[in-house]
Amino acid sequence: MWHVANQTPFSADHGWVMDKAGNKIWLVVVKASFDVQPDGRCCFAAEQVPVLQVAQPYGEFGQSSLRYETDLAGVKATTDVLVRGDAMAPPGRLATSVEVSLTAGHIDKRLRVTGDRRWERGPMGLKISEPEPFERMPVVYERAFGGWDRSAAKPEDHRLEERNPVGTGFAVRDEHCDGLPLPNIEYPDQLISGWKDHPAPAGFNAVDVAWLPRRALAGTYDEKWRRTRFPLWAEDFDPRYHNAAPADQQAAGFFEGGERIQVTGMSERGTLAFDLPRLKFAFRTRFGSERIDQDGQLCTVLIEPNEHRVSLAWQSALVCNRRADELDETLVLQK
């Protein structure tokens, strides 16, 4: 019962999730990893990245950003396009600032990566120190705008940037800024020039479910919800809650394969460019003698340009409800 018979050379796994209406859904995911060659060809990776049952943070949960999001949290509404890696100075050089970019289908996103800087106080007030040169810079949310201001004596007076609690640069008062590190990762049109600037946290990787604006998509859980819908999702639950990519990295619809991908500034090659592999999968689920066939939807594209690797995940979501205990297995086939 509840078995996945994986007939592909890739990783596959399963889980049970619930949709807004309370339907019990059998979620099966298959993930394929490819090495991107210098000429743009995608070759099957010798080591396949597994389907992740739980998210993997860089450090402690709640205290660091996500290295990898889980593949089985829920049914995604569209394709997430994620990038994990370091920005790189040109080969053999140091840089004080570089631009990194992602293009994928309609997605066209650029970030400015700047060397370490701090707020310094001078005769004319606060000023930004000169950026320190770097060779590599992790593009992580710890280096984007956000964080806590814990300068107040009482813990209840501490404040945080709810869009990115693990970031840097956030302060509620001028005098709290002395020596405060500025973010390294910024949107080019939202560069910080004053301590009161509160730009959108910038990054390429998954946004934690506990951060805004993703958290707000889960809906409203108040006394009315407790009386009328508990334990279901809230009435105003938005299925995009299950999409982990920043909003500007979520596709307009599910990718099909063949889309052109280009990442610049995050590989010693300079530009990592390739077409997404065109793979199709069938998910054949058996309830005793009855069989239900479904096609997979490409739900996640994870690009790791430092490793010249891309991993793609396809999902199959089957409403089972009272038939959950009758489900024997799902056969995963590559078409």
Foldseek 3Di string as FASTA:
>chain_A
DAAAAEPDPWAKDWDWDADQVGFIKIKIKTKFKFFQDPVFDTHGDPDHDHQFPAWAFPDDVPQGHTQGHHPYHDDAQAAFEFEWFKFFDAPPDWDQKDKKWKDWPPFTAIKIFGAKWAWAQDPVGTFIDRHDTDGIGGQGLQQWDWAKQPPDPDNVPIDTQQQRRNYFLADDDSVSRHGTIHHRIGGPVQDDGDSPRDHRTDGRHFGDCRGPPLVCLQDDDDPVCVVPPPPGGDPNHDSNSPHGGDPSRGDPHFDQWQIWMWMARGENSRINIHTGHHWKKWKWWDQDPDIDIDIWTFHYWYAHRHSSMIMIMTMDIDRQHPSPVRTDYIYMDID
